[in-house]
C-alpha atoms as a PDB file:
ATOM      1  CA  UNK A   1     -31.797 -12.950  70.274  1.00  0.00           C
ATOM      2  CA  UNK A   2     -34.872 -14.919  69.269  1.00  0.00           C
ATOM      3  CA  UNK A   3     -37.032 -14.218  66.227  1.00  0.00           C
ATOM      4  CA  UNK A   4     -40.641 -15.320  65.914  1.00  0.00           C
ATOM      5  CA  UNK A   5     -42.496 -15.001  62.598  1.00  0.00           C
ATOM      6  CA  UNK A   6     -46.266 -15.135  62.195  1.00  0.00           C
ATOM      7  CA  UNK A   7     -47.894 -14.833  58.789  1.00  0.00           C
ATOM      8  CA  UNK A   8     -51.560 -13.992  58.367  1.00  0.00           C
ATOM      9  CA  UNK A   9     -52.401 -13.767  54.683  1.00  0.00           C
ATOM     10  CA  UNK A  10     -50.251 -10.995  53.219  1.00  0.00           C
ATOM     11  CA  UNK A  11     -49.343  -9.635  56.665  1.00  0.00           C
ATOM     12  CA  UNK A  12     -46.124 -10.780  58.346  1.00  0.00           C
ATOM     13  CA  UNK A  13     -45.301 -10.059  61.990  1.00  0.00           C
ATOM     14  CA  UNK A  14     -41.743 -10.511  63.171  1.00  0.00           C
ATOM     15  CA  UNK A  15     -41.256 -10.391  66.946  1.00  0.00           C
ATOM     16  CA  UNK A  16     -37.690  -9.847  68.102  1.00  0.00           C
ATOM     17  CA  UNK A  17     -36.524 -10.612  71.627  1.00  0.00           C
ATOM     18  CA  UNK A  18     -33.160  -9.741  73.182  1.00  0.00           C
ATOM     19  CA  UNK A  19     -30.405  -7.656  71.612  1.00  0.00           C
ATOM     20  CA  UNK A  20     -30.271  -6.589  67.969  1.00  0.00           C
ATOM     21  CA  UNK A  21     -26.596  -5.835  67.344  1.00  0.00           C
ATOM     22  CA  UNK A  22     -23.730  -6.658  64.975  1.00  0.00           C
ATOM     23  CA  UNK A  23     -23.809 -10.309  66.046  1.00  0.00           C
ATOM     24  CA  UNK A  24     -27.543 -10.870  65.617  1.00  0.00           C
ATOM     25  CA  UNK A  25     -28.483  -8.398  62.839  1.00  0.00           C
ATOM     26  CA  UNK A  26     -27.511 -10.814  60.009  1.00  0.00           C
ATOM     27  CA  UNK A  27     -29.934 -13.407  61.439  1.00  0.00           C
ATOM     28  CA  UNK A  28     -32.803 -10.923  61.394  1.00  0.00           C
ATOM     29  CA  UNK A  29     -31.862  -9.738  57.906  1.00  0.00           C
ATOM     30  CA  UNK A  30     -31.961 -13.335  56.652  1.00  0.00           C
ATOM     31  CA  UNK A  31     -35.364 -13.956  58.289  1.00  0.00           C
ATOM     32  CA  UNK A  32     -36.846 -10.783  56.797  1.00  0.00           C
ATOM     33  CA  UNK A  33     -35.510 -11.390  53.293  1.00  0.00           C
ATOM     34  CA  UNK A  34     -36.715 -14.994  53.249  1.00  0.00           C
ATOM     35  CA  UNK A  35     -40.230 -14.052  54.289  1.00  0.00           C
ATOM     36  CA  UNK A  36     -41.230 -11.033  52.194  1.00  0.00           C
ATOM     37  CA  UNK A  37     -42.574 -12.747  49.052  1.00  0.00           C
ATOM     38  CA  UNK A  38     -46.211 -11.738  48.706  1.00  0.00           C
ATOM     39  CA  UNK A  39     -46.150  -9.685  51.911  1.00  0.00           C
ATOM     40  CA  UNK A  40     -47.858  -6.288  51.721  1.00  0.00           C
ATOM     41  CA  UNK A  41     -47.681  -5.480  55.438  1.00  0.00           C
ATOM     42  CA  UNK A  42     -44.622  -6.075  57.605  1.00  0.00           C
ATOM     43  CA  UNK A  43     -44.998  -5.570  61.345  1.00  0.00           C
ATOM     44  CA  UNK A  44     -41.883  -5.534  63.502  1.00  0.00           C
ATOM     45  CA  UNK A  45     -42.842  -6.255  67.120  1.00  0.00           C
ATOM     46  CA  UNK A  46     -40.158  -4.919  69.459  1.00  0.00           C
ATOM     47  CA  UNK A  47     -41.993  -5.509  72.749  1.00  0.00           C
ATOM     48  CA  UNK A  48     -39.171  -7.727  74.049  1.00  0.00           C
ATOM     49  CA  UNK A  49     -36.274  -5.996  72.275  1.00  0.00           C
ATOM     50  CA  UNK A  50     -33.768  -4.790  74.871  1.00  0.00           C
ATOM     51  CA  UNK A  51     -31.208  -3.066  72.654  1.00  0.00           C
ATOM     52  CA  UNK A  52     -30.647  -2.006  69.048  1.00  0.00           C
ATOM     53  CA  UNK A  53     -27.320  -1.024  67.485  1.00  0.00           C
ATOM     54  CA  UNK A  54     -26.475   0.666  64.200  1.00  0.00           C
ATOM     55  CA  UNK A  55     -26.350  -2.783  62.579  1.00  0.00           C
ATOM     56  CA  UNK A  56     -29.954  -3.353  63.659  1.00  0.00           C
ATOM     57  CA  UNK A  57     -30.954   0.060  62.330  1.00  0.00           C
ATOM     58  CA  UNK A  58     -29.408  -0.832  58.968  1.00  0.00           C
ATOM     59  CA  UNK A  59     -31.547  -4.000  58.791  1.00  0.00           C
ATOM     60  CA  UNK A  60     -34.680  -1.945  59.536  1.00  0.00           C
ATOM     61  CA  UNK A  61     -33.771   0.607  56.885  1.00  0.00           C
ATOM     62  CA  UNK A  62     -33.240  -2.138  54.322  1.00  0.00           C
ATOM     63  CA  UNK A  63     -36.605  -3.727  55.184  1.00  0.00           C
ATOM     64  CA  UNK A  64     -38.309  -0.315  54.996  1.00  0.00           C
ATOM     65  CA  UNK A  65     -36.926   0.243  51.476  1.00  0.00           C
ATOM     66  CA  UNK A  66     -38.242  -3.121  50.279  1.00  0.00           C
ATOM     67  CA  UNK A  67     -41.641  -2.667  51.914  1.00  0.00           C
ATOM     68  CA  UNK A  68     -42.098   0.864  50.549  1.00  0.00           C
ATOM     69  CA  UNK A  69     -42.175  -0.768  47.090  1.00  0.00           C
ATOM     70  CA  UNK A  70     -44.552  -3.618  47.917  1.00  0.00           C
ATOM     71  CA  UNK A  71     -46.666  -2.355  50.810  1.00  0.00           C
ATOM     72  CA  UNK A  72     -46.082  -0.955  54.276  1.00  0.00           C
ATOM     73  CA  UNK A  73     -43.996  -1.559  57.362  1.00  0.00           C
ATOM     74  CA  UNK A  74     -44.574  -0.532  60.942  1.00  0.00           C
ATOM     75  CA  UNK A  75     -42.749  -1.021  64.217  1.00  0.00           C
ATOM     76  CA  UNK A  76     -44.872  -1.693  67.293  1.00  0.00           C
ATOM     77  CA  UNK A  77     -44.361  -2.004  71.070  1.00  0.00           C
ATOM     78  CA  UNK A  78     -41.123  -0.006  71.127  1.00  0.00           C
ATOM     79  CA  UNK A  79     -39.502   0.407  74.553  1.00  0.00           C
ATOM     80  CA  UNK A  80     -38.360   3.826  75.777  1.00  0.00           C
ATOM     81  CA  UNK A  81     -34.706   2.850  75.325  1.00  0.00           C
ATOM     82  CA  UNK A  82     -35.160   1.739  71.698  1.00  0.00           C
ATOM     83  CA  UNK A  83     -37.388   4.762  70.993  1.00  0.00           C
ATOM     84  CA  UNK A  84     -34.598   7.015  72.239  1.00  0.00           C
ATOM     85  CA  UNK A  85     -32.223   5.427  69.705  1.00  0.00           C
ATOM     86  CA  UNK A  86     -34.830   5.972  66.956  1.00  0.00           C
ATOM     87  CA  UNK A  87     -35.233   9.633  67.964  1.00  0.00           C
ATOM     88  CA  UNK A  88     -31.503  10.385  68.174  1.00  0.00           C
ATOM     89  CA  UNK A  89     -30.825   8.760  64.791  1.00  0.00           C
ATOM     90  CA  UNK A  90     -33.815  10.331  63.026  1.00  0.00           C
ATOM     91  CA  UNK A  91     -35.504   6.969  62.447  1.00  0.00           C
ATOM     92  CA  UNK A  92     -38.742   8.369  63.880  1.00  0.00           C
ATOM     93  CA  UNK A  93     -38.990  10.322  60.601  1.00  0.00           C
ATOM     94  CA  UNK A  94     -38.317   7.234  58.474  1.00  0.00           C
ATOM     95  CA  UNK A  95     -40.305   4.509  60.208  1.00  0.00           C
ATOM     96  CA  UNK A  96     -43.963   4.192  61.132  1.00  0.00           C
ATOM     97  CA  UNK A  97     -43.853   3.572  64.875  1.00  0.00           C
ATOM     98  CA  UNK A  98     -46.975   2.713  66.861  1.00  0.00           C
END
């Protein structure tokens, strides 16, 4: 998995490529936590995300909780496979997905 961060003022975009699973979720969690100071908008770009496991969902939920206190979070460019995981787990009700 590769993680690319782009900050534009108080907006942070994190693009994730590859598989987000138990092996890679801690890396993403570390990247998110280290970059949220002063961020009011977090954008998770999943255009190149191939797979997400429950560990990845937990990282998203944690980020959503933080961002609900200091701004907003949205997930963009979600593939059909990842969207299916979001729908089955009820994350479509929790996350803003565009």
